[in-house]
Amino acid sequence: MSLDYRSRLKTLEVSHKSRNDLVSEADVAIEKFLVEQIRQAYPGHAIRGEESGDVAGSEYCWIIDPIDGTTSFVHGQPYYSVSIAVEKAGAYALAAVNAPAMGELYEAQAGGGARLNDEPIHVSATAELSDSVMATGFACIRFDQTRNNLAYFNALVPRLRDVRRYGSAALDLCYTACGRMEGFWELHLKIFDVAAGFLILSEAGGRWGDFAGTPRGVCEEVLATNGLIHEQVMHLFASVTQKSNQPGG
C-alpha cells in the first residue's frame, strides 16, 4: 500500500503535526486501513495508533506506526517501515516490521525467535566497540529540548568503527536484530517507533533498555544492542550524563 503512495510522491499531500514533524496522506490512509482490519478481526482488542490515537479494549493492544520514517518516505528514500506490535497484558507478544521499498518483512513471536522474510535471524557476535557499527537519530522534531543527543554522539562515535543514520527507529532495531550492525541509540522517541523492534531484537538475542539498563517504560532514552557491547556503551553514557548534570556541564 505504501508503495502505491510512493509512486506518486510529487502529488502526495504532506502536512505538519508540529514545526518539523511531518505526516502524509499515506500515514493516515495506511493507519485507517490497519485499524479497520484489526477491528473486523478482533473487535474487542485495544489499539494505539500514532495518527488516530487510542481505542480502548481488552488485555490485547495493537501498537501501530503506519510509516516510521515519514521524512525518508516523502523524500523518496527507502528507509521507512510499517511497524506493528501486539501487547498481551502489558508484555510484547507479536511484532512485525515491513520495509516495503526493500522487500523485507521482520517478524517475531514471544518465545518463538525472530525472522527476516521467514528466515531466522540473530544479533552479531561482535564484542568490541572498535569493531562495531551503530545507528542513531537526532530528534529534530523536538528541537527545543535542552537535552539532546550531541554529547552522547560525540562521546561514542570516535570509539566505533562507523555510525549510520537511517531515520527509522524500527528499522534500526531490526538491523541490529539481524546482525547488520551492533546497536542503536536515540533520545525522545515514542512507543510507536520502537515497540515492534524491541520484541524482534529480544527474540534475536539482543538487549534493550534506557541508558541505565531499565527495560520497561523506555522511550525518553533508548539503547539497543547485540548485548555484547551493551555494558560498554552504558558505562560511557553514564559518564556523559554525570558530566552534563554537573554545574556548568
C-alpha atoms as a PDB file:
ATOM      1  CA  MET A   1       0.000   0.000   0.000  1.00  0.00           C
ATOM      2  CA  SER A   2       2.818   2.438   0.869  1.00  0.00           C
ATOM      3  CA  LEU A   3       4.465   1.643  -2.463  1.00  0.00           C
ATOM      4  CA  ASP A   4       1.352   2.922  -4.249  1.00  0.00           C
ATOM      5  CA  TYR A   5       1.697   6.261  -2.481  1.00  0.00           C
ATOM      6  CA  ARG A   6       5.470   6.272  -3.014  1.00  0.00           C
ATOM      7  CA  SER A   7       4.931   6.085  -6.764  1.00  0.00           C
ATOM      8  CA  ARG A   8       3.238   9.493  -6.693  1.00  0.00           C
ATOM      9  CA  LEU A   9       5.301  11.401  -4.145  1.00  0.00           C
ATOM     10  CA  LYS A  10       5.243  14.608  -6.186  1.00  0.00           C
ATOM     11  CA  THR A  11       1.481  14.937  -5.679  1.00  0.00           C
ATOM     12  CA  LEU A  12       1.304  13.470  -2.179  1.00  0.00           C
ATOM     13  CA  GLU A  13      -0.401  15.641   0.427  1.00  0.00           C
ATOM     14  CA  VAL A  14       2.007  16.347   3.310  1.00  0.00           C
ATOM     15  CA  SER A  15       1.243  18.411   6.399  1.00  0.00           C
ATOM     16  CA  HIS A  16       2.956  19.271   9.684  1.00  0.00           C
ATOM     17  CA  LYS A  17       1.879  17.966  13.086  1.00  0.00           C
ATOM     18  CA  SER A  18       4.428  20.393  14.538  1.00  0.00           C
ATOM     19  CA  ARG A  19       7.267  22.515  13.167  1.00  0.00           C
ATOM     20  CA  ASN A  20       9.375  19.606  11.869  1.00  0.00           C
ATOM     21  CA  ASP A  21       7.020  16.639  12.363  1.00  0.00           C
ATOM     22  CA  LEU A  22       5.612  15.527   9.022  1.00  0.00           C
ATOM     23  CA  VAL A  23       2.505  13.477   8.350  1.00  0.00           C
ATOM     24  CA  SER A  24       1.465  12.422   4.856  1.00  0.00           C
ATOM     25  CA  GLU A  25      -1.838  11.234   3.489  1.00  0.00           C
ATOM     26  CA  ALA A  26      -0.157   7.826   3.235  1.00  0.00           C
ATOM     27  CA  ASP A  27       0.374   7.725   7.036  1.00  0.00           C
ATOM     28  CA  VAL A  28      -3.297   8.449   7.628  1.00  0.00           C
ATOM     29  CA  ALA A  29      -4.605   6.064   4.959  1.00  0.00           C
ATOM     30  CA  ILE A  30      -2.388   3.145   5.993  1.00  0.00           C
ATOM     31  CA  GLU A  31      -3.290   3.503   9.650  1.00  0.00           C
ATOM     32  CA  LYS A  32      -7.005   3.751   8.802  1.00  0.00           C
ATOM     33  CA  PHE A  33      -6.732   0.556   6.750  1.00  0.00           C
ATOM     34  CA  LEU A  34      -4.883  -1.309   9.519  1.00  0.00           C
ATOM     35  CA  VAL A  35      -7.295  -0.181  12.216  1.00  0.00           C
ATOM     36  CA  GLU A  36     -10.266  -1.296  10.114  1.00  0.00           C
ATOM     37  CA  GLN A  37      -8.729  -4.729   9.579  1.00  0.00           C
ATOM     38  CA  ILE A  38      -7.966  -5.167  13.280  1.00  0.00           C
ATOM     39  CA  ARG A  39     -11.436  -4.033  14.351  1.00  0.00           C
ATOM     40  CA  GLN A  40     -13.022  -6.515  11.948  1.00  0.00           C
ATOM     41  CA  ALA A  41     -10.877  -9.453  13.045  1.00  0.00           C
ATOM     42  CA  TYR A  42     -10.524  -8.589  16.762  1.00  0.00           C
ATOM     43  CA  PRO A  43     -13.329  -6.194  17.704  1.00  0.00           C
ATOM     44  CA  GLY A  44     -12.544  -6.372  21.417  1.00  0.00           C
ATOM     45  CA  HIS A  45      -8.848  -5.503  21.181  1.00  0.00           C
ATOM     46  CA  ALA A  46      -7.358  -2.150  22.146  1.00  0.00           C
ATOM     47  CA  ILE A  47      -5.454  -0.124  19.554  1.00  0.00           C
ATOM     48  CA  ARG A  48      -2.829   2.593  19.892  1.00  0.00           C
ATOM     49  CA  GLY A  49      -2.303   4.341  16.576  1.00  0.00           C
ATOM     50  CA  GLU A  50       0.199   7.135  16.070  1.00  0.00           C
ATOM     51  CA  GLU A  51      -2.168   9.146  13.890  1.00  0.00           C
ATOM     52  CA  SER A  52      -5.600   8.134  15.203  1.00  0.00           C
ATOM     53  CA  GLY A  53      -4.969   7.839  18.938  1.00  0.00           C
ATOM     54  CA  ASP A  54      -6.157   5.159  21.354  1.00  0.00           C
ATOM     55  CA  VAL A  55      -9.096   2.781  21.149  1.00  0.00           C
ATOM     56  CA  ALA A  56      -9.946   1.067  24.435  1.00  0.00           C
ATOM     57  CA  GLY A  57     -10.339  -2.697  24.601  1.00  0.00           C
ATOM     58  CA  SER A  58      -9.198  -5.961  26.158  1.00  0.00           C
ATOM     59  CA  GLU A  59      -5.836  -7.127  27.503  1.00  0.00           C
ATOM     60  CA  TYR A  60      -4.628  -7.225  23.902  1.00  0.00           C
ATOM     61  CA  CYS A  61      -3.340  -3.945  22.482  1.00  0.00           C
ATOM     62  CA  TRP A  62      -2.101  -3.265  18.945  1.00  0.00           C
ATOM     63  CA  ILE A  63       0.565  -0.568  18.645  1.00  0.00           C
ATOM     64  CA  ILE A  64       0.747   0.870  15.121  1.00  0.00           C
ATOM     65  CA  ASP A  65       3.147   3.196  13.346  1.00  0.00           C
ATOM     66  CA  PRO A  66       1.855   3.363   9.761  1.00  0.00           C
ATOM     67  CA  ILE A  67       5.089   4.889   8.430  1.00  0.00           C
ATOM     68  CA  ASP A  68       8.101   5.031  10.703  1.00  0.00           C
ATOM     69  CA  GLY A  69      10.441   7.311   8.824  1.00  0.00           C
ATOM     70  CA  THR A  70       7.986   9.665   7.144  1.00  0.00           C
ATOM     71  CA  THR A  71      10.751  12.122   6.256  1.00  0.00           C
ATOM     72  CA  SER A  72      12.590   9.372   4.355  1.00  0.00           C
ATOM     73  CA  PHE A  73       9.335   8.329   2.720  1.00  0.00           C
ATOM     74  CA  VAL A  74       8.344  11.762   1.420  1.00  0.00           C
ATOM     75  CA  HIS A  75      11.891  12.361   0.145  1.00  0.00           C
ATOM     76  CA  GLY A  76      11.813   9.173  -1.916  1.00  0.00           C
ATOM     77  CA  GLN A  77      14.317   7.303   0.259  1.00  0.00           C
ATOM     78  CA  PRO A  78      13.830   3.579   1.050  1.00  0.00           C
ATOM     79  CA  TYR A  79      14.477   3.684   4.806  1.00  0.00           C
ATOM     80  CA  TYR A  80      10.942   3.662   6.164  1.00  0.00           C
ATOM     81  CA  SER A  81       8.746   0.929   7.569  1.00  0.00           C
ATOM     82  CA  VAL A  82       5.307  -0.089   8.760  1.00  0.00           C
ATOM     83  CA  SER A  83       5.591  -1.181  12.390  1.00  0.00           C
ATOM     84  CA  ILE A  84       3.004  -3.213  14.315  1.00  0.00           C
ATOM     85  CA  ALA A  85       3.306  -4.767  17.770  1.00  0.00           C
ATOM     86  CA  VAL A  86       0.772  -6.645  19.883  1.00  0.00           C
ATOM     87  CA  GLU A  87       0.863  -6.481  23.663  1.00  0.00           C
ATOM     88  CA  LYS A  88      -0.858  -9.043  25.852  1.00  0.00           C
ATOM     89  CA  ALA A  89      -1.359  -7.924  29.442  1.00  0.00           C
ATOM     90  CA  GLY A  90       1.440  -5.389  29.057  1.00  0.00           C
ATOM     91  CA  ALA A  91       4.050  -7.729  27.543  1.00  0.00           C
ATOM     92  CA  TYR A  92       5.035  -7.785  23.894  1.00  0.00           C
ATOM     93  CA  ALA A  93       3.629 -10.915  22.247  1.00  0.00           C
ATOM     94  CA  LEU A  94       3.854 -10.394  18.463  1.00  0.00           C
ATOM     95  CA  ALA A  95       5.654  -7.965  16.184  1.00  0.00           C
ATOM     96  CA  ALA A  96       6.092  -7.191  12.516  1.00  0.00           C
ATOM     97  CA  VAL A  97       8.126  -4.514  10.755  1.00  0.00           C
ATOM     98  CA  ASN A  98       7.670  -4.276   6.994  1.00  0.00           C
ATOM     99  CA  ALA A  99      10.162  -2.347   4.829  1.00  0.00           C
ATOM    100  CA  PRO A 100       8.274  -2.461   1.514  1.00  0.00           C
ATOM    101  CA  ALA A 101      10.777  -0.463  -0.550  1.00  0.00           C
ATOM    102  CA  MET A 102      13.408  -3.096   0.242  1.00  0.00           C
ATOM    103  CA  GLY A 103      11.157  -6.154   0.200  1.00  0.00           C
ATOM    104  CA  GLU A 104      11.884  -7.041   3.814  1.00  0.00           C
ATOM    105  CA  LEU A 105       9.489  -8.316   6.468  1.00  0.00           C
ATOM    106  CA  TYR A 106      10.760  -8.778  10.029  1.00  0.00           C
ATOM    107  CA  GLU A 107       8.617 -10.803  12.435  1.00  0.00           C
ATOM    108  CA  ALA A 108       8.781 -12.142  15.970  1.00  0.00           C
ATOM    109  CA  GLN A 109       6.677 -14.010  18.475  1.00  0.00           C
ATOM    110  CA  ALA A 110       7.491 -14.051  22.173  1.00  0.00           C
ATOM    111  CA  GLY A 111       9.458 -17.218  22.818  1.00  0.00           C
ATOM    112  CA  GLY A 112       9.466 -18.132  19.129  1.00  0.00           C
ATOM    113  CA  GLY A 113      12.508 -16.306  17.782  1.00  0.00           C
ATOM    114  CA  ALA A 114      12.799 -13.620  15.109  1.00  0.00           C
ATOM    115  CA  ARG A 115      12.733 -13.907  11.313  1.00  0.00           C
ATOM    116  CA  LEU A 116      13.513 -11.882   8.211  1.00  0.00           C
ATOM    117  CA  ASN A 117      11.494 -12.978   5.180  1.00  0.00           C
ATOM    118  CA  ASP A 118      10.752 -16.193   7.075  1.00  0.00           C
ATOM    119  CA  GLU A 119      14.428 -16.983   7.752  1.00  0.00           C
ATOM    120  CA  PRO A 120      15.731 -16.991  11.367  1.00  0.00           C
ATOM    121  CA  ILE A 121      17.881 -14.031  12.371  1.00  0.00           C
ATOM    122  CA  HIS A 122      20.287 -13.393  15.235  1.00  0.00           C
ATOM    123  CA  VAL A 123      22.359 -10.494  16.505  1.00  0.00           C
ATOM    124  CA  SER A 124      26.037 -10.205  15.636  1.00  0.00           C
ATOM    125  CA  ALA A 125      28.853 -11.743  17.689  1.00  0.00           C
ATOM    126  CA  THR A 126      30.920  -8.535  17.762  1.00  0.00           C
ATOM    127  CA  ALA A 127      32.078  -7.744  21.279  1.00  0.00           C
ATOM    128  CA  GLU A 128      34.267  -4.642  20.902  1.00  0.00           C
ATOM    129  CA  LEU A 129      33.162  -1.069  20.269  1.00  0.00           C
ATOM    130  CA  SER A 130      36.064  -0.529  17.883  1.00  0.00           C
ATOM    131  CA  ASP A 131      34.639  -3.257  15.635  1.00  0.00           C
ATOM    132  CA  SER A 132      31.037  -2.062  15.949  1.00  0.00           C
ATOM    133  CA  VAL A 133      28.663  -0.120  13.719  1.00  0.00           C
ATOM    134  CA  MET A 134      25.790   1.663  15.451  1.00  0.00           C
ATOM    135  CA  ALA A 135      22.908   3.832  14.300  1.00  0.00           C
ATOM    136  CA  THR A 136      21.366   6.844  15.921  1.00  0.00           C
ATOM    137  CA  GLY A 137      18.929   9.649  15.291  1.00  0.00           C
ATOM    138  CA  PHE A 138      18.544  13.295  16.169  1.00  0.00           C
ATOM    139  CA  ALA A 139      15.133  14.359  17.379  1.00  0.00           C
ATOM    140  CA  CYS A 140      14.748  17.310  15.024  1.00  0.00           C
ATOM    141  CA  ILE A 141      11.017  17.390  15.727  1.00  0.00           C
ATOM    142  CA  ARG A 142      11.902  18.097  19.352  1.00  0.00           C
ATOM    143  CA  PHE A 143      14.359  20.871  18.525  1.00  0.00           C
ATOM    144  CA  ASP A 144      13.520  22.790  21.703  1.00  0.00           C
ATOM    145  CA  GLN A 145      14.698  20.006  24.035  1.00  0.00           C
ATOM    146  CA  THR A 146      17.511  21.208  26.280  1.00  0.00           C
ATOM    147  CA  ARG A 147      18.901  17.658  26.490  1.00  0.00           C
ATOM    148  CA  ASN A 148      19.858  16.334  23.078  1.00  0.00           C
ATOM    149  CA  ASN A 149      21.944  13.582  21.532  1.00  0.00           C
ATOM    150  CA  LEU A 150      25.062  15.527  20.614  1.00  0.00           C
ATOM    151  CA  ALA A 151      27.031  14.828  23.806  1.00  0.00           C
ATOM    152  CA  TYR A 152      26.372  11.080  23.529  1.00  0.00           C
ATOM    153  CA  PHE A 153      27.177  11.126  19.826  1.00  0.00           C
ATOM    154  CA  ASN A 154      30.478  12.938  20.371  1.00  0.00           C
ATOM    155  CA  ALA A 155      31.491  10.556  23.151  1.00  0.00           C
ATOM    156  CA  LEU A 156      30.594   7.304  21.402  1.00  0.00           C
ATOM    157  CA  VAL A 157      31.266   7.727  17.694  1.00  0.00           C
ATOM    158  CA  PRO A 158      35.079   8.061  17.927  1.00  0.00           C
ATOM    159  CA  ARG A 159      35.111   4.651  19.638  1.00  0.00           C
ATOM    160  CA  LEU A 160      33.101   2.917  16.907  1.00  0.00           C
ATOM    161  CA  ARG A 161      34.036   1.555  13.512  1.00  0.00           C
ATOM    162  CA  ASP A 162      31.277   3.679  11.975  1.00  0.00           C
ATOM    163  CA  VAL A 163      27.859   5.210  12.534  1.00  0.00           C
ATOM    164  CA  ARG A 164      24.653   5.202  10.470  1.00  0.00           C
ATOM    165  CA  ARG A 165      21.583   7.453  10.318  1.00  0.00           C
ATOM    166  CA  TYR A 166      18.662   5.704   8.622  1.00  0.00           C
ATOM    167  CA  GLY A 167      15.725   7.676  10.002  1.00  0.00           C
ATOM    168  CA  SER A 168      13.512   4.788  11.133  1.00  0.00           C
ATOM    169  CA  ALA A 169      13.958   3.538  14.689  1.00  0.00           C
ATOM    170  CA  ALA A 170      12.007   0.391  13.841  1.00  0.00           C
ATOM    171  CA  LEU A 171      14.489  -0.448  11.079  1.00  0.00           C
ATOM    172  CA  ASP A 172      17.459   0.448  13.294  1.00  0.00           C
ATOM    173  CA  LEU A 173      16.265  -2.132  15.815  1.00  0.00           C
ATOM    174  CA  CYS A 174      15.667  -4.728  13.096  1.00  0.00           C
ATOM    175  CA  TYR A 175      19.088  -4.127  11.555  1.00  0.00           C
ATOM    176  CA  THR A 176      20.601  -4.720  14.978  1.00  0.00           C
ATOM    177  CA  ALA A 177      18.491  -7.864  15.339  1.00  0.00           C
ATOM    178  CA  CYS A 178      19.745  -9.368  12.076  1.00  0.00           C
ATOM    179  CA  GLY A 179      23.406  -8.516  12.692  1.00  0.00           C
ATOM    180  CA  ARG A 180      23.823  -5.741  10.114  1.00  0.00           C
ATOM    181  CA  MET A 181      25.044  -3.543  12.933  1.00  0.00           C
ATOM    182  CA  GLU A 182      25.713  -3.858  16.647  1.00  0.00           C
ATOM    183  CA  GLY A 183      23.409  -1.278  18.153  1.00  0.00           C
ATOM    184  CA  PHE A 184      21.207   1.795  18.119  1.00  0.00           C
ATOM    185  CA  TRP A 185      20.560   4.665  20.490  1.00  0.00           C
ATOM    186  CA  GLU A 186      18.333   7.730  20.479  1.00  0.00           C
ATOM    187  CA  LEU A 187      16.512  10.153  22.766  1.00  0.00           C
ATOM    188  CA  HIS A 188      12.870  11.289  22.929  1.00  0.00           C
ATOM    189  CA  LEU A 189      11.199   8.514  20.950  1.00  0.00           C
ATOM    190  CA  LYS A 190       7.614   7.281  21.148  1.00  0.00           C
ATOM    191  CA  ILE A 191       6.335   3.785  21.814  1.00  0.00           C
ATOM    192  CA  PHE A 192       5.019   3.539  18.238  1.00  0.00           C
ATOM    193  CA  ASP A 193       8.608   3.862  16.971  1.00  0.00           C
ATOM    194  CA  VAL A 194      10.079   1.020  18.984  1.00  0.00           C
ATOM    195  CA  ALA A 195       7.519  -1.482  20.296  1.00  0.00           C
ATOM    196  CA  ALA A 196       7.760  -3.978  17.418  1.00  0.00           C
ATOM    197  CA  GLY A 197      11.519  -3.565  17.109  1.00  0.00           C
ATOM    198  CA  PHE A 198      12.018  -4.267  20.807  1.00  0.00           C
ATOM    199  CA  LEU A 199      10.416  -7.710  20.558  1.00  0.00           C
ATOM    200  CA  ILE A 200      12.205  -8.551  17.303  1.00  0.00           C
ATOM    201  CA  LEU A 201      15.553  -7.595  18.842  1.00  0.00           C
ATOM    202  CA  SER A 202      14.872  -9.535  22.046  1.00  0.00           C
ATOM    203  CA  GLU A 203      13.917 -12.652  20.132  1.00  0.00           C
ATOM    204  CA  ALA A 204      17.093 -12.320  18.031  1.00  0.00           C
ATOM    205  CA  GLY A 205      19.227 -12.376  21.182  1.00  0.00           C
ATOM    206  CA  GLY A 206      19.714  -8.655  21.691  1.00  0.00           C
ATOM    207  CA  ARG A 207      19.197  -6.315  24.622  1.00  0.00           C
ATOM    208  CA  TRP A 208      17.357  -3.016  25.015  1.00  0.00           C
ATOM    209  CA  GLY A 209      16.513  -0.501  27.702  1.00  0.00           C
ATOM    210  CA  ASP A 210      17.216   3.057  28.706  1.00  0.00           C
ATOM    211  CA  PHE A 211      20.761   4.336  29.119  1.00  0.00           C
ATOM    212  CA  ALA A 212      20.876   2.921  32.653  1.00  0.00           C
ATOM    213  CA  GLY A 213      19.610  -0.509  31.617  1.00  0.00           C
ATOM    214  CA  THR A 214      15.963  -0.265  32.711  1.00  0.00           C
ATOM    215  CA  PRO A 215      13.875  -2.268  30.229  1.00  0.00           C
ATOM    216  CA  ARG A 216      10.347  -1.002  30.857  1.00  0.00           C
ATOM    217  CA  GLY A 217       8.799   2.392  30.234  1.00  0.00           C
ATOM    218  CA  VAL A 218      11.705   3.284  27.955  1.00  0.00           C
ATOM    219  CA  CYS A 219      11.306   5.914  25.235  1.00  0.00           C
ATOM    220  CA  GLU A 220      12.989   9.051  26.530  1.00  0.00           C
ATOM    221  CA  GLU A 221      16.231   7.086  26.235  1.00  0.00           C
ATOM    222  CA  VAL A 222      16.694   4.035  24.037  1.00  0.00           C
ATOM    223  CA  LEU A 223      19.828   1.910  23.942  1.00  0.00           C
ATOM    224  CA  ALA A 224      19.571  -1.330  21.973  1.00  0.00           C
ATOM    225  CA  THR A 225      22.498  -3.611  21.158  1.00  0.00           C
ATOM    226  CA  ASN A 226      23.595  -7.147  20.407  1.00  0.00           C
ATOM    227  CA  GLY A 227      24.082  -7.474  24.168  1.00  0.00           C
ATOM    228  CA  LEU A 228      27.843  -7.917  23.927  1.00  0.00           C
ATOM    229  CA  ILE A 229      28.667  -4.218  23.735  1.00  0.00           C
ATOM    230  CA  HIS A 230      25.784  -3.062  25.937  1.00  0.00           C
ATOM    231  CA  GLU A 231      27.707  -2.568  29.186  1.00  0.00           C
ATOM    232  CA  GLN A 232      30.481  -0.687  27.392  1.00  0.00           C
ATOM    233  CA  VAL A 233      28.017   1.799  25.912  1.00  0.00           C
ATOM    234  CA  MET A 234      26.109   2.141  29.190  1.00  0.00           C
ATOM    235  CA  HIS A 235      29.333   2.926  31.054  1.00  0.00           C
ATOM    236  CA  LEU A 236      30.260   5.584  28.512  1.00  0.00           C
ATOM    237  CA  PHE A 237      26.788   7.126  28.529  1.00  0.00           C
ATOM    238  CA  ALA A 238      26.782   7.203  32.345  1.00  0.00           C
ATOM    239  CA  SER A 239      29.892   9.386  32.306  1.00  0.00           C
ATOM    240  CA  VAL A 240      28.273  11.713  29.749  1.00  0.00           C
ATOM    241  CA  THR A 241      25.100  12.010  31.844  1.00  0.00           C
ATOM    242  CA  GLN A 242      27.086  12.608  35.022  1.00  0.00           C
ATOM    243  CA  LYS A 243      29.116  15.352  33.367  1.00  0.00           C
ATOM    244  CA  SER A 244      26.027  17.030  31.930  1.00  0.00           C
ATOM    245  CA  ASN A 245      24.395  17.069  35.396  1.00  0.00           C
ATOM    246  CA  GLN A 246      27.331  18.884  36.958  1.00  0.00           C
ATOM    247  CA  PRO A 247      27.226  22.689  37.305  1.00  0.00           C
ATOM    248  CA  GLY A 248      28.357  24.156  34.017  1.00  0.00           C
ATOM    249  CA  GLY A 249      28.124  20.711  32.340  1.00  0.00           C
END
